[in-house]
Amino acid sequence: MSTVIDQAVQARLIASAPPSRTVSAQLRYLRSDPFAVRVAFPATASLDGAEVEWTFARELLARGLLSPTGGGDVRVWPCGPHRTVLELHAQEGVAMVQMDTDDLRGFLARSYALVPVGSEGGHLDVDSDLAALLREA
């Protein structure tokens, strides 16, 4: 069984100027980082022309499909029955992105099949992570 889930999705960047546009994005889930999900946006979607990746809690994404949730850098909420908004805060400003809710539900279902809710701790390699932190210090 694979230890990584990758899923391409369409993301609608909500902006006042330039007008809103749709870009491809990539959702990623790693069994080795079981509490997190990642969403990567291509260089064409950023102001500085660099690819951007956001990492945040899988639980935040799941809760945000049902009701507004989050704080700090990432907020997620439903936008009607078929869309979900990710609000991403950085020093440069705020980005708002709409994604298809069914795509996000499918991605989460695949992540739960790989690592069921409540079993995340069993997939962590604390010793290796601690050793890596100590090497970086």
N, C-alpha and C. Protein backbone atom coordinates (compact mmCIF):
# COMPACT_ATOMS: atom_id res chain seq x y z
N MET A 1 0.83 -1.18 0.00
CA MET A 1 0.00 0.00 0.00
C MET A 1 0.88 1.25 0.00
N SER A 2 0.48 2.24 -0.78
CA SER A 2 1.23 3.48 -0.87
C SER A 2 1.24 4.20 0.48
N THR A 3 2.28 4.96 0.71
CA THR A 3 2.36 5.76 1.93
C THR A 3 2.09 7.23 1.66
N VAL A 4 1.77 7.58 0.41
CA VAL A 4 1.51 8.96 0.02
C VAL A 4 0.24 9.01 -0.82
N ILE A 5 -0.58 10.00 -0.57
CA ILE A 5 -1.75 10.26 -1.40
C ILE A 5 -1.56 11.60 -2.06
N ASP A 6 -1.59 11.63 -3.37
CA ASP A 6 -1.53 12.87 -4.14
C ASP A 6 -2.80 12.98 -4.94
N GLN A 7 -3.38 14.17 -4.97
CA GLN A 7 -4.60 14.37 -5.74
C GLN A 7 -4.58 15.76 -6.36
N ALA A 8 -4.70 15.80 -7.67
CA ALA A 8 -4.78 17.08 -8.37
C ALA A 8 -6.21 17.61 -8.23
N VAL A 9 -6.32 18.91 -8.00
CA VAL A 9 -7.62 19.57 -7.89
C VAL A 9 -7.56 20.92 -8.60
N GLN A 10 -8.73 21.43 -8.90
CA GLN A 10 -8.82 22.78 -9.44
C GLN A 10 -9.14 23.71 -8.27
N ALA A 11 -8.44 24.83 -8.21
CA ALA A 11 -8.63 25.81 -7.16
C ALA A 11 -8.97 27.14 -7.80
N ARG A 12 -9.98 27.78 -7.29
CA ARG A 12 -10.35 29.10 -7.79
C ARG A 12 -9.80 30.15 -6.84
N LEU A 13 -8.84 30.93 -7.32
CA LEU A 13 -8.26 32.01 -6.52
C LEU A 13 -9.24 33.18 -6.53
N ILE A 14 -9.69 33.57 -5.37
CA ILE A 14 -10.66 34.66 -5.26
C ILE A 14 -9.88 35.95 -5.04
N ALA A 15 -10.05 36.88 -5.96
CA ALA A 15 -9.30 38.14 -5.88
C ALA A 15 -10.14 39.26 -6.45
N SER A 16 -9.86 40.46 -6.00
CA SER A 16 -10.54 41.63 -6.56
C SER A 16 -9.76 42.16 -7.77
N ALA A 17 -8.44 42.06 -7.73
CA ALA A 17 -7.61 42.47 -8.85
C ALA A 17 -6.32 41.67 -8.78
N PRO A 18 -5.90 40.99 -9.79
CA PRO A 18 -6.65 40.75 -11.02
C PRO A 18 -7.88 39.89 -10.74
N PRO A 19 -8.74 39.76 -11.71
CA PRO A 19 -9.96 38.98 -11.48
C PRO A 19 -9.66 37.55 -11.02
N SER A 20 -10.64 36.96 -10.37
CA SER A 20 -10.50 35.57 -9.91
C SER A 20 -10.15 34.67 -11.08
N ARG A 21 -9.39 33.60 -10.77
CA ARG A 21 -9.01 32.66 -11.83
C ARG A 21 -8.85 31.28 -11.23
N THR A 22 -8.87 30.29 -12.10
CA THR A 22 -8.73 28.90 -11.68
C THR A 22 -7.31 28.42 -11.99
N VAL A 23 -6.72 27.73 -11.02
CA VAL A 23 -5.39 27.14 -11.20
C VAL A 23 -5.43 25.69 -10.73
N SER A 24 -4.49 24.91 -11.19
CA SER A 24 -4.34 23.55 -10.69
C SER A 24 -3.63 23.61 -9.35
N ALA A 25 -4.02 22.74 -8.45
CA ALA A 25 -3.35 22.62 -7.16
C ALA A 25 -3.16 21.14 -6.87
N GLN A 26 -2.33 20.83 -5.92
CA GLN A 26 -2.03 19.44 -5.58
C GLN A 26 -2.24 19.23 -4.08
N LEU A 27 -3.15 18.31 -3.74
CA LEU A 27 -3.33 17.90 -2.36
C LEU A 27 -2.41 16.73 -2.08
N ARG A 28 -1.83 16.70 -0.88
CA ARG A 28 -0.91 15.61 -0.53
C ARG A 28 -1.11 15.22 0.93
N TYR A 29 -1.07 13.90 1.15
CA TYR A 29 -1.14 13.35 2.51
C TYR A 29 -0.04 12.30 2.63
N LEU A 30 0.74 12.38 3.69
CA LEU A 30 1.84 11.44 3.92
C LEU A 30 1.55 10.62 5.18
N ARG A 31 1.64 9.31 5.08
CA ARG A 31 1.44 8.48 6.26
C ARG A 31 2.48 8.81 7.33
N SER A 32 3.66 9.24 6.93
CA SER A 32 4.72 9.58 7.89
C SER A 32 4.46 10.90 8.63
N ASP A 33 3.50 11.68 8.17
CA ASP A 33 3.10 12.93 8.82
C ASP A 33 1.57 12.90 8.95
N PRO A 34 1.05 11.99 9.78
CA PRO A 34 -0.36 11.62 9.73
C PRO A 34 -1.36 12.67 10.18
N PHE A 35 -0.92 13.69 10.87
CA PHE A 35 -1.87 14.70 11.33
C PHE A 35 -2.05 15.84 10.33
N ALA A 36 -1.23 15.88 9.29
CA ALA A 36 -1.19 17.03 8.38
C ALA A 36 -1.66 16.69 6.97
N VAL A 37 -2.15 17.73 6.30
CA VAL A 37 -2.39 17.68 4.86
C VAL A 37 -1.61 18.84 4.25
N ARG A 38 -1.33 18.71 2.97
CA ARG A 38 -0.60 19.76 2.26
C ARG A 38 -1.37 20.14 1.01
N VAL A 39 -1.29 21.40 0.66
CA VAL A 39 -1.82 21.84 -0.62
C VAL A 39 -0.75 22.71 -1.27
N ALA A 40 -0.41 22.36 -2.49
CA ALA A 40 0.64 23.09 -3.22
C ALA A 40 0.02 23.81 -4.41
N PHE A 41 0.45 25.04 -4.59
CA PHE A 41 -0.01 25.86 -5.70
C PHE A 41 1.16 26.13 -6.63
N PRO A 42 0.93 26.15 -7.93
CA PRO A 42 2.02 26.36 -8.89
C PRO A 42 2.53 27.80 -8.84
N ALA A 43 3.70 28.00 -9.39
CA ALA A 43 4.33 29.32 -9.41
C ALA A 43 3.43 30.37 -10.05
N THR A 44 2.63 29.97 -11.02
CA THR A 44 1.75 30.93 -11.71
C THR A 44 0.66 31.47 -10.80
N ALA A 45 0.44 30.85 -9.65
CA ALA A 45 -0.61 31.29 -8.72
C ALA A 45 -0.09 32.27 -7.67
N SER A 46 1.21 32.45 -7.59
CA SER A 46 1.76 33.30 -6.53
C SER A 46 2.21 34.65 -7.08
N LEU A 47 2.29 35.61 -6.17
CA LEU A 47 2.70 36.96 -6.57
C LEU A 47 4.18 37.03 -6.92
N ASP A 48 5.00 36.19 -6.27
CA ASP A 48 6.44 36.25 -6.52
C ASP A 48 6.93 35.22 -7.53
N GLY A 49 6.03 34.45 -8.12
CA GLY A 49 6.41 33.49 -9.14
C GLY A 49 7.06 32.22 -8.61
N ALA A 50 6.87 31.92 -7.34
CA ALA A 50 7.42 30.70 -6.74
C ALA A 50 6.28 29.78 -6.35
N GLU A 51 6.53 28.46 -6.43
CA GLU A 51 5.53 27.50 -5.97
C GLU A 51 5.32 27.71 -4.47
N VAL A 52 4.09 27.55 -4.04
CA VAL A 52 3.74 27.75 -2.64
C VAL A 52 3.09 26.48 -2.10
N GLU A 53 3.54 26.03 -0.92
CA GLU A 53 2.92 24.87 -0.27
C GLU A 53 2.50 25.26 1.14
N TRP A 54 1.27 24.90 1.48
CA TRP A 54 0.73 25.12 2.82
C TRP A 54 0.52 23.77 3.47
N THR A 55 0.87 23.67 4.74
CA THR A 55 0.67 22.46 5.53
C THR A 55 -0.17 22.83 6.73
N PHE A 56 -1.22 22.05 6.96
CA PHE A 56 -2.10 22.31 8.10
C PHE A 56 -2.77 21.02 8.52
N ALA A 57 -3.51 21.06 9.61
CA ALA A 57 -4.08 19.87 10.22
C ALA A 57 -5.17 19.23 9.35
N ARG A 58 -5.09 17.92 9.23
CA ARG A 58 -6.12 17.16 8.52
C ARG A 58 -7.47 17.40 9.18
N GLU A 59 -7.49 17.45 10.49
CA GLU A 59 -8.74 17.68 11.22
C GLU A 59 -9.33 19.05 10.90
N LEU A 60 -8.50 20.06 10.71
CA LEU A 60 -8.97 21.39 10.34
C LEU A 60 -9.71 21.34 9.01
N LEU A 61 -9.15 20.63 8.04
CA LEU A 61 -9.79 20.50 6.74
C LEU A 61 -11.13 19.77 6.88
N ALA A 62 -11.15 18.69 7.63
CA ALA A 62 -12.38 17.92 7.81
C ALA A 62 -13.47 18.75 8.48
N ARG A 63 -13.11 19.46 9.53
CA ARG A 63 -14.11 20.28 10.24
C ARG A 63 -14.59 21.44 9.37
N GLY A 64 -13.69 21.99 8.57
CA GLY A 64 -14.04 23.12 7.72
C GLY A 64 -15.01 22.77 6.61
N LEU A 65 -15.16 21.50 6.29
CA LEU A 65 -16.15 21.10 5.30
C LEU A 65 -17.57 21.25 5.85
N LEU A 66 -17.68 21.25 7.18
CA LEU A 66 -18.99 21.29 7.84
C LEU A 66 -19.36 22.66 8.40
N SER A 67 -18.37 23.37 8.93
CA SER A 67 -18.63 24.68 9.52
C SER A 67 -17.32 25.47 9.57
N PRO A 68 -17.42 26.79 9.70
CA PRO A 68 -16.20 27.60 9.74
C PRO A 68 -15.30 27.18 10.90
N THR A 69 -14.02 27.04 10.60
CA THR A 69 -13.06 26.61 11.61
C THR A 69 -11.69 27.19 11.28
N GLY A 70 -10.83 27.16 12.27
CA GLY A 70 -9.46 27.60 12.08
C GLY A 70 -9.20 28.95 12.71
N GLY A 71 -7.98 29.31 12.68
CA GLY A 71 -7.51 30.56 13.23
C GLY A 71 -6.05 30.69 12.85
N GLY A 72 -5.48 31.82 13.09
CA GLY A 72 -4.08 31.97 12.72
C GLY A 72 -3.93 32.01 11.21
N ASP A 73 -3.04 31.18 10.69
CA ASP A 73 -2.69 31.23 9.27
C ASP A 73 -3.69 30.57 8.34
N VAL A 74 -4.47 29.60 8.82
CA VAL A 74 -5.37 28.85 7.94
C VAL A 74 -6.77 28.80 8.54
N ARG A 75 -7.74 29.15 7.71
CA ARG A 75 -9.15 29.05 8.07
C ARG A 75 -9.86 28.34 6.93
N VAL A 76 -10.86 27.55 7.28
CA VAL A 76 -11.59 26.75 6.27
C VAL A 76 -13.07 26.86 6.59
N TRP A 77 -13.90 27.01 5.55
CA TRP A 77 -15.34 27.02 5.77
C TRP A 77 -16.09 26.61 4.51
N PRO A 78 -17.31 26.06 4.70
CA PRO A 78 -18.13 25.71 3.54
C PRO A 78 -18.67 26.97 2.87
N CYS A 79 -18.77 26.92 1.57
CA CYS A 79 -19.29 28.04 0.79
C CYS A 79 -20.39 27.45 -0.10
N GLY A 80 -21.56 27.27 0.49
CA GLY A 80 -22.64 26.60 -0.23
C GLY A 80 -22.43 25.10 -0.17
N PRO A 81 -23.28 24.35 -0.86
CA PRO A 81 -23.21 22.88 -0.76
C PRO A 81 -22.07 22.22 -1.54
N HIS A 82 -21.45 22.96 -2.46
CA HIS A 82 -20.48 22.31 -3.36
C HIS A 82 -19.07 22.86 -3.30
N ARG A 83 -18.85 23.93 -2.56
CA ARG A 83 -17.54 24.57 -2.52
C ARG A 83 -17.09 24.75 -1.09
N THR A 84 -15.77 24.74 -0.91
CA THR A 84 -15.15 25.00 0.38
C THR A 84 -14.08 26.06 0.17
N VAL A 85 -13.98 26.99 1.11
CA VAL A 85 -13.00 28.07 1.02
C VAL A 85 -11.85 27.79 1.97
N LEU A 86 -10.62 27.95 1.47
CA LEU A 86 -9.42 27.96 2.30
C LEU A 86 -8.94 29.40 2.31
N GLU A 87 -8.79 29.96 3.49
CA GLU A 87 -8.27 31.31 3.65
C GLU A 87 -6.88 31.19 4.24
N LEU A 88 -5.88 31.64 3.51
CA LEU A 88 -4.48 31.44 3.86
C LEU A 88 -3.83 32.79 4.15
N HIS A 89 -3.31 32.95 5.37
CA HIS A 89 -2.72 34.21 5.80
C HIS A 89 -1.20 34.10 5.80
N ALA A 90 -0.54 35.07 5.18
CA ALA A 90 0.92 35.15 5.16
C ALA A 90 1.31 36.61 5.38
N GLN A 91 2.59 36.87 5.57
CA GLN A 91 3.05 38.25 5.75
C GLN A 91 2.69 39.11 4.54
N GLU A 92 2.70 38.50 3.36
CA GLU A 92 2.43 39.25 2.13
C GLU A 92 0.96 39.60 1.97
N GLY A 93 0.08 38.91 2.69
CA GLY A 93 -1.34 39.18 2.57
C GLY A 93 -2.16 37.92 2.78
N VAL A 94 -3.40 37.97 2.33
CA VAL A 94 -4.35 36.88 2.50
C VAL A 94 -4.76 36.35 1.13
N ALA A 95 -4.76 35.03 1.00
CA ALA A 95 -5.26 34.39 -0.22
C ALA A 95 -6.51 33.60 0.14
N MET A 96 -7.52 33.73 -0.71
CA MET A 96 -8.73 32.93 -0.53
C MET A 96 -8.89 32.04 -1.75
N VAL A 97 -9.11 30.76 -1.48
CA VAL A 97 -9.15 29.76 -2.54
C VAL A 97 -10.41 28.92 -2.35
N GLN A 98 -11.17 28.73 -3.41
CA GLN A 98 -12.33 27.84 -3.38
C GLN A 98 -11.96 26.53 -4.05
N MET A 99 -12.41 25.43 -3.42
CA MET A 99 -12.21 24.09 -3.99
C MET A 99 -13.53 23.33 -3.95
N ASP A 100 -13.64 22.36 -4.81
CA ASP A 100 -14.83 21.51 -4.84
C ASP A 100 -14.88 20.65 -3.58
N THR A 101 -15.97 20.74 -2.85
CA THR A 101 -16.10 20.01 -1.59
C THR A 101 -16.02 18.50 -1.80
N ASP A 102 -16.61 17.99 -2.87
CA ASP A 102 -16.54 16.55 -3.12
C ASP A 102 -15.10 16.08 -3.35
N ASP A 103 -14.29 16.92 -4.01
CA ASP A 103 -12.87 16.57 -4.20
C ASP A 103 -12.17 16.48 -2.84
N LEU A 104 -12.46 17.43 -1.96
CA LEU A 104 -11.84 17.42 -0.63
C LEU A 104 -12.32 16.23 0.20
N ARG A 105 -13.61 15.92 0.12
CA ARG A 105 -14.14 14.75 0.84
C ARG A 105 -13.48 13.46 0.34
N GLY A 106 -13.34 13.33 -0.96
CA GLY A 106 -12.69 12.15 -1.53
C GLY A 106 -11.25 12.01 -1.08
N PHE A 107 -10.53 13.13 -1.07
CA PHE A 107 -9.15 13.15 -0.60
C PHE A 107 -9.07 12.72 0.86
N LEU A 108 -9.94 13.30 1.69
CA LEU A 108 -9.95 12.92 3.11
C LEU A 108 -10.31 11.45 3.30
N ALA A 109 -11.26 10.95 2.54
CA ALA A 109 -11.64 9.53 2.65
C ALA A 109 -10.44 8.63 2.35
N ARG A 110 -9.68 8.99 1.33
CA ARG A 110 -8.48 8.20 1.00
C ARG A 110 -7.45 8.29 2.12
N SER A 111 -7.32 9.48 2.74
CA SER A 111 -6.36 9.62 3.84
C SER A 111 -6.81 8.80 5.05
N TYR A 112 -8.13 8.73 5.31
CA TYR A 112 -8.64 7.93 6.43
C TYR A 112 -8.47 6.44 6.17
N ALA A 113 -8.52 6.04 4.91
CA ALA A 113 -8.27 4.63 4.58
C ALA A 113 -6.81 4.28 4.84
N LEU A 114 -5.92 5.23 4.60
CA LEU A 114 -4.49 5.01 4.83
C LEU A 114 -4.16 5.08 6.32
N VAL A 115 -4.69 6.09 7.01
CA VAL A 115 -4.45 6.28 8.45
C VAL A 115 -5.79 6.67 9.08
N PRO A 116 -6.48 5.72 9.70
CA PRO A 116 -7.77 6.04 10.32
C PRO A 116 -7.62 7.08 11.43
N VAL A 117 -8.68 7.87 11.61
CA VAL A 117 -8.71 8.84 12.70
C VAL A 117 -8.51 8.10 14.02
N GLY A 118 -7.65 8.64 14.85
CA GLY A 118 -7.35 8.04 16.14
C GLY A 118 -6.13 7.14 16.13
N SER A 119 -5.66 6.76 14.95
CA SER A 119 -4.49 5.88 14.88
C SER A 119 -3.24 6.63 14.41
N GLU A 120 -3.33 7.95 14.30
CA GLU A 120 -2.21 8.74 13.77
C GLU A 120 -0.93 8.55 14.57
N GLY A 121 -1.04 8.50 15.89
CA GLY A 121 0.14 8.38 16.74
C GLY A 121 0.95 7.13 16.47
N GLY A 122 0.30 6.07 16.02
CA GLY A 122 1.01 4.83 15.70
C GLY A 122 1.83 4.92 14.44
N HIS A 123 1.67 5.99 13.67
CA HIS A 123 2.41 6.15 12.42
C HIS A 123 3.55 7.15 12.54
N LEU A 124 3.72 7.71 13.73
CA LEU A 124 4.81 8.65 13.94
C LEU A 124 6.09 7.91 14.28
N ASP A 125 7.19 8.40 13.79
CA ASP A 125 8.51 7.86 14.13
C ASP A 125 9.20 8.91 14.99
N VAL A 126 8.83 8.95 16.26
CA VAL A 126 9.30 9.98 17.17
C VAL A 126 10.82 9.94 17.32
N ASP A 127 11.41 8.76 17.39
CA ASP A 127 12.86 8.66 17.56
C ASP A 127 13.60 9.28 16.37
N SER A 128 13.16 8.98 15.16
CA SER A 128 13.81 9.55 13.97
C SER A 128 13.61 11.06 13.90
N ASP A 129 12.39 11.51 14.23
CA ASP A 129 12.11 12.95 14.20
C ASP A 129 12.95 13.69 15.23
N LEU A 130 13.09 13.13 16.41
CA LEU A 130 13.91 13.76 17.45
C LEU A 130 15.39 13.78 17.03
N ALA A 131 15.87 12.70 16.47
CA ALA A 131 17.26 12.66 16.00
C ALA A 131 17.50 13.71 14.92
N ALA A 132 16.54 13.89 14.02
CA ALA A 132 16.68 14.90 12.97
C ALA A 132 16.70 16.31 13.57
N LEU A 133 15.86 16.56 14.55
CA LEU A 133 15.86 17.87 15.21
C LEU A 133 17.19 18.14 15.90
N LEU A 134 17.73 17.14 16.55
CA LEU A 134 19.01 17.30 17.26
C LEU A 134 20.15 17.53 16.27
N ARG A 135 20.10 16.89 15.12
CA ARG A 135 21.14 17.11 14.10
C ARG A 135 21.08 18.55 13.57
N GLU A 136 19.88 19.11 13.48
CA GLU A 136 19.72 20.47 12.97
C GLU A 136 20.10 21.52 13.99
N ALA A 137 20.12 21.16 15.28
CA ALA A 137 20.40 22.15 16.33
C ALA A 137 21.86 22.53 16.39
